[in-house]
PDB file of N, CA and C in Angstrom:
ATOM      1  N   MET A   1     -40.931  13.946 -75.580  1.00  0.00           N
ATOM      2  CA  MET A   1     -39.918  13.038 -75.891  1.00  0.00           C
ATOM      3  C   MET A   1     -39.604  13.740 -77.192  1.00  0.00           C
ATOM      4  N   TRP A   2     -40.590  13.768 -78.020  1.00  0.00           N
ATOM      5  CA  TRP A   2     -40.727  14.220 -79.512  1.00  0.00           C
ATOM      6  C   TRP A   2     -39.895  15.286 -79.805  1.00  0.00           C
ATOM      7  N   THR A   3     -40.024  16.234 -78.724  1.00  0.00           N
ATOM      8  CA  THR A   3     -38.400  17.223 -79.239  1.00  0.00           C
ATOM      9  C   THR A   3     -37.612  16.804 -79.639  1.00  0.00           C
ATOM     10  N   VAL A   4     -37.081  16.057 -78.202  1.00  0.00           N
ATOM     11  CA  VAL A   4     -35.528  15.316 -78.041  1.00  0.00           C
ATOM     12  C   VAL A   4     -35.449  14.082 -79.825  1.00  0.00           C
ATOM     13  N   THR A   5     -36.652  13.714 -80.418  1.00  0.00           N
ATOM     14  CA  THR A   5     -36.926  13.110 -81.181  1.00  0.00           C
ATOM     15  C   THR A   5     -36.234  13.558 -82.605  1.00  0.00           C
ATOM     16  N   ILE A   6     -37.131  14.778 -82.497  1.00  0.00           N
ATOM     17  CA  ILE A   6     -36.808  15.651 -83.910  1.00  0.00           C
ATOM     18  C   ILE A   6     -35.245  16.522 -83.616  1.00  0.00           C
ATOM     19  N   ILE A   7     -34.886  17.043 -82.642  1.00  0.00           N
ATOM     20  CA  ILE A   7     -33.554  17.399 -82.372  1.00  0.00           C
ATOM     21  C   ILE A   7     -32.539  16.186 -82.866  1.00  0.00           C
ATOM     22  N   SER A   8     -32.448  14.942 -82.450  1.00  0.00           N
ATOM     23  CA  SER A   8     -31.894  13.741 -82.642  1.00  0.00           C
ATOM     24  C   SER A   8     -31.622  13.868 -84.358  1.00  0.00           C
ATOM     25  N   SER A   9     -33.030  13.706 -85.149  1.00  0.00           N
ATOM     26  CA  SER A   9     -33.248  13.652 -86.276  1.00  0.00           C
ATOM     27  C   SER A   9     -32.317  14.043 -86.927  1.00  0.00           C
ATOM     28  N   GLY A  10     -32.337  15.557 -86.369  1.00  0.00           N
ATOM     29  CA  GLY A  10     -31.598  16.927 -87.173  1.00  0.00           C
ATOM     30  C   GLY A  10     -30.562  16.496 -87.419  1.00  0.00           C
ATOM     31  N   ILE A  11     -30.030  16.483 -85.736  1.00  0.00           N
ATOM     32  CA  ILE A  11     -28.310  16.302 -85.968  1.00  0.00           C
ATOM     33  C   ILE A  11     -27.818  15.005 -86.960  1.00  0.00           C
ATOM     34  N   GLY A  12     -28.462  13.671 -86.403  1.00  0.00           N
ATOM     35  CA  GLY A  12     -28.197  12.175 -87.927  1.00  0.00           C
ATOM     36  C   GLY A  12     -28.352  13.060 -89.139  1.00  0.00           C
ATOM     37  N   VAL A  13     -28.945  14.116 -89.440  1.00  0.00           N
ATOM     38  CA  VAL A  13     -28.780  14.163 -90.753  1.00  0.00           C
ATOM     39  C   VAL A  13     -27.561  14.916 -90.990  1.00  0.00           C
ATOM     40  N   LEU A  14     -27.114  15.880 -90.363  1.00  0.00           N
ATOM     41  CA  LEU A  14     -25.851  16.691 -89.711  1.00  0.00           C
ATOM     42  C   LEU A  14     -24.988  15.797 -90.440  1.00  0.00           C
ATOM     43  N   LEU A  15     -24.972  14.785 -89.110  1.00  0.00           N
ATOM     44  CA  LEU A  15     -23.624  13.621 -89.025  1.00  0.00           C
ATOM     45  C   LEU A  15     -23.503  12.938 -90.646  1.00  0.00           C
ATOM     46  N   PHE A  16     -24.920  12.490 -91.361  1.00  0.00           N
ATOM     47  CA  PHE A  16     -24.569  11.755 -92.147  1.00  0.00           C
ATOM     48  C   PHE A  16     -24.204  12.841 -93.427  1.00  0.00           C
ATOM     49  N   PHE A  17     -24.771  13.787 -93.640  1.00  0.00           N
ATOM     50  CA  PHE A  17     -23.958  14.645 -94.770  1.00  0.00           C
ATOM     51  C   PHE A  17     -22.620  14.421 -94.658  1.00  0.00           C
ATOM     52  N   THR A  18     -22.375  15.279 -93.094  1.00  0.00           N
ATOM     53  CA  THR A  18     -20.817  15.852 -92.961  1.00  0.00           C
ATOM     54  C   THR A  18     -19.746  14.420 -93.034  1.00  0.00           C
ATOM     55  N   GLY A  19     -20.753  13.145 -92.574  1.00  0.00           N
ATOM     56  CA  GLY A  19     -19.486  12.063 -93.070  1.00  0.00           C
ATOM     57  C   GLY A  19     -19.446  11.467 -94.343  1.00  0.00           C
ATOM     58  N   MET A  20     -20.248  11.481 -95.303  1.00  0.00           N
ATOM     59  CA  MET A  20     -20.346  10.960 -96.182  1.00  0.00           C
ATOM     60  C   MET A  20     -19.416  12.228 -97.051  1.00  0.00           C
ATOM     61  N   ALA A  21     -19.824  13.553 -96.950  1.00  0.00           N
ATOM     62  CA  ALA A  21     -18.581  14.255 -97.398  1.00  0.00           C
ATOM     63  C   ALA A  21     -16.610  14.366 -97.401  1.00  0.00           C
ATOM     64  N   GLY A  22     -17.124  13.838 -96.153  1.00  0.00           N
ATOM     65  CA  GLY A  22     -15.249  13.718 -95.683  1.00  0.00           C
ATOM     66  C   GLY A  22     -14.844  12.221 -95.543  1.00  0.00           C
ATOM     67  N   ALA A  23     -15.924  11.364 -96.117  1.00  0.00           N
ATOM     68  CA  ALA A  23     -15.123   9.665 -95.963  1.00  0.00           C
ATOM     69  C   ALA A  23     -14.828   9.941 -97.190  1.00  0.00           C
ATOM     70  N   LYS A  24     -13.604   9.040 -97.147  1.00  0.00           N
ATOM     71  CA  LYS A  24     -12.491   8.538 -98.270  1.00  0.00           C
ATOM     72  C   LYS A  24     -12.695   7.024 -98.255  1.00  0.00           C
ATOM     73  N   SER A  25     -13.447   6.053 -98.153  1.00  0.00           N
ATOM     74  CA  SER A  25     -13.706   5.049 -98.200  1.00  0.00           C
ATOM     75  C   SER A  25     -15.123   4.120 -98.243  1.00  0.00           C
ATOM     76  N   ALA A  26     -15.985   3.209 -98.437  1.00  0.00           N
ATOM     77  CA  ALA A  26     -17.331   2.756 -98.308  1.00  0.00           C
ATOM     78  C   ALA A  26     -17.233   2.480 -96.487  1.00  0.00           C
ATOM     79  N   VAL A  27     -16.484   1.988 -96.310  1.00  0.00           N
ATOM     80  CA  VAL A  27     -16.118   1.457 -94.665  1.00  0.00           C
ATOM     81  C   VAL A  27     -16.614   2.792 -93.905  1.00  0.00           C
ATOM     82  N   GLN A  28     -16.173   4.103 -94.219  1.00  0.00           N
ATOM     83  CA  GLN A  28     -16.249   5.064 -93.904  1.00  0.00           C
ATOM     84  C   GLN A  28     -17.820   5.838 -94.396  1.00  0.00           C
ATOM     85  N   GLU A  29     -17.604   5.258 -95.066  1.00  0.00           N
ATOM     86  CA  GLU A  29     -19.515   6.041 -95.303  1.00  0.00           C
ATOM     87  C   GLU A  29     -20.295   5.294 -94.623  1.00  0.00           C
ATOM     88  N   ALA A  30     -20.179   3.770 -94.401  1.00  0.00           N
ATOM     89  CA  ALA A  30     -21.473   3.193 -93.920  1.00  0.00           C
ATOM     90  C   ALA A  30     -21.202   3.319 -92.477  1.00  0.00           C
ATOM     91  N   ALA A  31     -19.706   3.471 -91.806  1.00  0.00           N
ATOM     92  CA  ALA A  31     -20.033   4.291 -89.978  1.00  0.00           C
ATOM     93  C   ALA A  31     -20.605   5.258 -90.166  1.00  0.00           C
ATOM     94  N   SER A  32     -20.378   6.759 -90.708  1.00  0.00           N
ATOM     95  CA  SER A  32     -20.950   7.622 -90.961  1.00  0.00           C
ATOM     96  C   SER A  32     -22.682   7.275 -91.095  1.00  0.00           C
ATOM     97  N   ALA A  33     -23.118   6.439 -91.686  1.00  0.00           N
ATOM     98  CA  ALA A  33     -24.344   6.240 -92.018  1.00  0.00           C
ATOM     99  C   ALA A  33     -25.026   5.225 -90.784  1.00  0.00           C
ATOM    100  N   ALA A  34     -24.100   4.754 -90.479  1.00  0.00           N
ATOM    101  CA  ALA A  34     -24.904   3.721 -88.979  1.00  0.00           C
ATOM    102  C   ALA A  34     -25.287   4.843 -87.853  1.00  0.00           C
ATOM    103  N   GLN A  35     -24.344   5.602 -87.593  1.00  0.00           N
ATOM    104  CA  GLN A  35     -23.913   6.521 -86.643  1.00  0.00           C
ATOM    105  C   GLN A  35     -25.636   7.178 -86.833  1.00  0.00           C
ATOM    106  N   ALA A  36     -25.694   7.694 -87.944  1.00  0.00           N
ATOM    107  CA  ALA A  36     -26.884   9.358 -88.692  1.00  0.00           C
ATOM    108  C   ALA A  36     -28.227   8.186 -87.799  1.00  0.00           C
ATOM    109  N   MET A  37     -27.794   6.967 -88.444  1.00  0.00           N
ATOM    110  CA  MET A  37     -29.080   6.252 -88.237  1.00  0.00           C
ATOM    111  C   MET A  37     -29.513   5.987 -86.526  1.00  0.00           C
ATOM    112  N   ALA A  38     -28.184   5.699 -86.032  1.00  0.00           N
ATOM    113  CA  ALA A  38     -28.452   5.886 -84.560  1.00  0.00           C
ATOM    114  C   ALA A  38     -29.085   6.557 -83.828  1.00  0.00           C
ATOM    115  N   PHE A  39     -28.939   7.902 -84.153  1.00  0.00           N
ATOM    116  CA  PHE A  39     -29.236   9.229 -83.954  1.00  0.00           C
ATOM    117  C   PHE A  39     -30.675   9.551 -84.152  1.00  0.00           C
ATOM    118  N   ALA A  40     -31.018   8.955 -84.572  1.00  0.00           N
ATOM    119  CA  ALA A  40     -32.533   9.327 -85.744  1.00  0.00           C
ATOM    120  C   ALA A  40     -33.300   8.202 -85.066  1.00  0.00           C
ATOM    121  N   VAL A  41     -32.779   6.681 -85.030  1.00  0.00           N
ATOM    122  CA  VAL A  41     -33.703   5.545 -84.731  1.00  0.00           C
ATOM    123  C   VAL A  41     -34.288   5.608 -83.156  1.00  0.00           C
ATOM    124  N   ILE A  42     -32.989   5.336 -82.479  1.00  0.00           N
ATOM    125  CA  ILE A  42     -32.673   5.185 -81.242  1.00  0.00           C
ATOM    126  C   ILE A  42     -33.860   5.925 -80.152  1.00  0.00           C
ATOM    127  N   PRO A  43     -33.930   7.149 -80.196  1.00  0.00           N
ATOM    128  CA  PRO A  43     -34.738   8.215 -80.183  1.00  0.00           C
ATOM    129  C   PRO A  43     -36.427   8.301 -80.399  1.00  0.00           C
ATOM    130  N   TYR A  44     -36.289   7.592 -82.053  1.00  0.00           N
ATOM    131  CA  TYR A  44     -37.874   7.671 -82.547  1.00  0.00           C
ATOM    132  C   TYR A  44     -38.329   6.333 -81.491  1.00  0.00           C
ATOM    133  N   ILE A  45     -37.998   4.914 -81.546  1.00  0.00           N
ATOM    134  CA  ILE A  45     -38.353   4.045 -80.752  1.00  0.00           C
ATOM    135  C   ILE A  45     -38.438   4.217 -79.129  1.00  0.00           C
ATOM    136  N   MET A  46     -37.406   5.377 -78.381  1.00  0.00           N
ATOM    137  CA  MET A  46     -37.786   5.085 -77.134  1.00  0.00           C
ATOM    138  C   MET A  46     -39.292   5.988 -77.259  1.00  0.00           C
ATOM    139  N   SER A  47     -39.472   6.938 -77.697  1.00  0.00           N
ATOM    140  CA  SER A  47     -40.668   7.862 -77.840  1.00  0.00           C
ATOM    141  C   SER A  47     -42.145   7.190 -78.294  1.00  0.00           C
ATOM    142  N   ARG A  48     -41.522   6.061 -78.914  1.00  0.00           N
ATOM    143  CA  ARG A  48     -42.986   5.730 -79.469  1.00  0.00           C
ATOM    144  C   ARG A  48     -42.959   4.463 -78.687  1.00  0.00           C
ATOM    145  N   ALA A  49     -41.815   4.418 -77.500  1.00  0.00           N
ATOM    146  CA  ALA A  49     -42.230   2.830 -76.878  1.00  0.00           C
ATOM    147  C   ALA A  49     -42.900   4.233 -75.046  1.00  0.00           C
ATOM    148  N   LEU A  50     -42.642   4.935 -75.351  1.00  0.00           N
ATOM    149  CA  LEU A  50     -43.178   5.861 -74.009  1.00  0.00           C
ATOM    150  C   LEU A  50     -44.411   6.187 -74.312  1.00  0.00           C
ATOM    151  N   GLU A  51     -44.851   6.460 -75.510  1.00  0.00           N
ATOM    152  CA  GLU A  51     -45.982   6.646 -76.051  1.00  0.00           C
ATOM    153  C   GLU A  51     -47.243   5.594 -75.787  1.00  0.00           C
ATOM    154  N   ALA A  52     -47.082   4.447 -76.342  1.00  0.00           N
ATOM    155  CA  ALA A  52     -47.584   3.286 -75.775  1.00  0.00           C
ATOM    156  C   ALA A  52     -47.744   3.170 -75.086  1.00  0.00           C
ATOM    157  N   ARG A  53     -46.584   3.407 -74.023  1.00  0.00           N
ATOM    158  CA  ARG A  53     -47.259   3.257 -72.481  1.00  0.00           C
ATOM    159  C   ARG A  53     -48.305   3.965 -71.692  1.00  0.00           C
ATOM    160  N   ALA A  54     -48.094   5.265 -72.015  1.00  0.00           N
ATOM    161  CA  ALA A  54     -48.990   6.129 -71.653  1.00  0.00           C
ATOM    162  C   ALA A  54     -50.382   5.880 -72.510  1.00  0.00           C
ATOM    163  N   ALA A  55     -50.782   5.350 -73.383  1.00  0.00           N
ATOM    164  CA  ALA A  55     -51.947   4.856 -74.088  1.00  0.00           C
ATOM    165  C   ALA A  55     -52.505   3.460 -72.934  1.00  0.00           C
ATOM    166  N   GLU A  56     -51.445   2.427 -73.054  1.00  0.00           N
ATOM    167  CA  GLU A  56     -51.764   1.320 -72.568  1.00  0.00           C
ATOM    168  C   GLU A  56     -52.225   2.084 -70.952  1.00  0.00           C
ATOM    169  N   THR A  57     -51.641   2.993 -70.085  1.00  0.00           N
ATOM    170  CA  THR A  57     -51.906   3.380 -68.941  1.00  0.00           C
ATOM    171  C   THR A  57     -53.264   3.913 -68.859  1.00  0.00           C
ATOM    172  N   LEU A  58     -53.542   4.843 -69.870  1.00  0.00           N
ATOM    173  CA  LEU A  58     -55.085   5.360 -69.487  1.00  0.00           C
ATOM    174  C   LEU A  58     -55.948   4.377 -70.123  1.00  0.00           C
ATOM    175  N   ARG A  59     -55.594   3.489 -70.866  1.00  0.00           N
ATOM    176  CA  ARG A  59     -56.920   2.399 -71.215  1.00  0.00           C
ATOM    177  C   ARG A  59     -57.482   1.493 -70.017  1.00  0.00           C
ATOM    178  N   ASN A  60     -56.294   1.025 -69.179  1.00  0.00           N
ATOM    179  CA  ASN A  60     -56.229   0.578 -67.846  1.00  0.00           C
ATOM    180  C   ASN A  60     -57.133   0.801 -66.807  1.00  0.00           C
ATOM    181  N   ARG A  61     -56.597   2.514 -66.676  1.00  0.00           N
ATOM    182  CA  ARG A  61     -57.106   3.347 -65.944  1.00  0.00           C
ATOM    183  C   ARG A  61     -59.016   3.612 -66.366  1.00  0.00           C
ATOM    184  N   ALA A  62     -59.209   3.459 -67.882  1.00  0.00           N
ATOM    185  CA  ALA A  62     -60.814   3.623 -67.880  1.00  0.00           C
ATOM    186  C   ALA A  62     -61.487   1.904 -67.471  1.00  0.00           C
ATOM    187  N   ILE A  63     -60.583   0.860 -67.937  1.00  0.00           N
ATOM    188  CA  ILE A  63     -60.999  -0.167 -67.940  1.00  0.00           C
ATOM    189  C   ILE A  63     -61.695   0.072 -66.414  1.00  0.00           C
ATOM    190  N   SER A  64     -60.773  -0.303 -65.160  1.00  0.00           N
ATOM    191  CA  SER A  64     -60.742  -0.063 -63.968  1.00  0.00           C
ATOM    192  C   SER A  64     -62.200   0.770 -63.802  1.00  0.00           C
ATOM    193  N   GLY A  65     -62.313   2.150 -64.381  1.00  0.00           N
ATOM    194  CA  GLY A  65     -63.103   3.026 -64.125  1.00  0.00           C
ATOM    195  C   GLY A  65     -64.286   2.408 -64.449  1.00  0.00           C
ATOM    196  N   SER A  66     -64.256   1.772 -65.097  1.00  0.00           N
ATOM    197  CA  SER A  66     -65.535   1.337 -65.884  1.00  0.00           C
ATOM    198  C   SER A  66     -66.334  -0.006 -64.753  1.00  0.00           C
ATOM    199  N   GLN A  67     -65.262  -0.284 -64.366  1.00  0.00           N
ATOM    200  CA  GLN A  67     -65.663  -1.371 -63.349  1.00  0.00           C
ATOM    201  C   GLN A  67     -65.822  -1.225 -62.129  1.00  0.00           C
ATOM    202  N   ASN A  68     -65.220  -0.143 -61.733  1.00  0.00           N
ATOM    203  CA  ASN A  68     -65.675   0.522 -60.538  1.00  0.00           C
ATOM    204  C   ASN A  68     -66.908   0.902 -60.219  1.00  0.00           C
ATOM    205  N   ALA A  69     -67.518   1.737 -61.179  1.00  0.00           N
ATOM    206  CA  ALA A  69     -68.481   2.086 -61.519  1.00  0.00           C
ATOM    207  C   ALA A  69     -69.908   1.091 -62.255  1.00  0.00           C
ATOM    208  N   ALA A  70     -69.139  -0.268 -62.628  1.00  0.00           N
ATOM    209  CA  ALA A  70     -70.209  -1.427 -62.787  1.00  0.00           C
ATOM    210  C   ALA A  70     -70.852  -1.690 -60.873  1.00  0.00           C
ATOM    211  N   GLU A  71     -69.801  -1.984 -60.013  1.00  0.00           N
ATOM    212  CA  GLU A  71     -69.891  -2.229 -59.614  1.00  0.00           C
ATOM    213  C   GLU A  71     -70.856  -1.851 -58.257  1.00  0.00           C
ATOM    214  N   LYS A  72     -70.700  -0.253 -58.104  1.00  0.00           N
ATOM    215  CA  LYS A  72     -71.274   0.377 -57.340  1.00  0.00           C
ATOM    216  C   LYS A  72     -72.917   0.444 -57.512  1.00  0.00           C
ATOM    217  N   ASP A  73     -73.335   0.102 -59.412  1.00  0.00           N
ATOM    218  CA  ASP A  73     -74.820  -0.313 -59.749  1.00  0.00           C
ATOM    219  C   ASP A  73     -75.488  -1.023 -58.793  1.00  0.00           C
TER     220      ASP A  73
END
């Protein structure tokens, strides 16, 4: 997932610079910046959420594993 995030960030950078170069008004500049941010931020948020979910799953497995070991003793 982080690969997608890095690629999307690169696309966002390209969109930002091409949008700024071709913008004729502040509104067009703002729209270009918003699109560029969306390409960078949304995949980043998804990557962090998936990473946190995986960490939580590992923690839960470790906790349940230690509880099972304690019950056997």
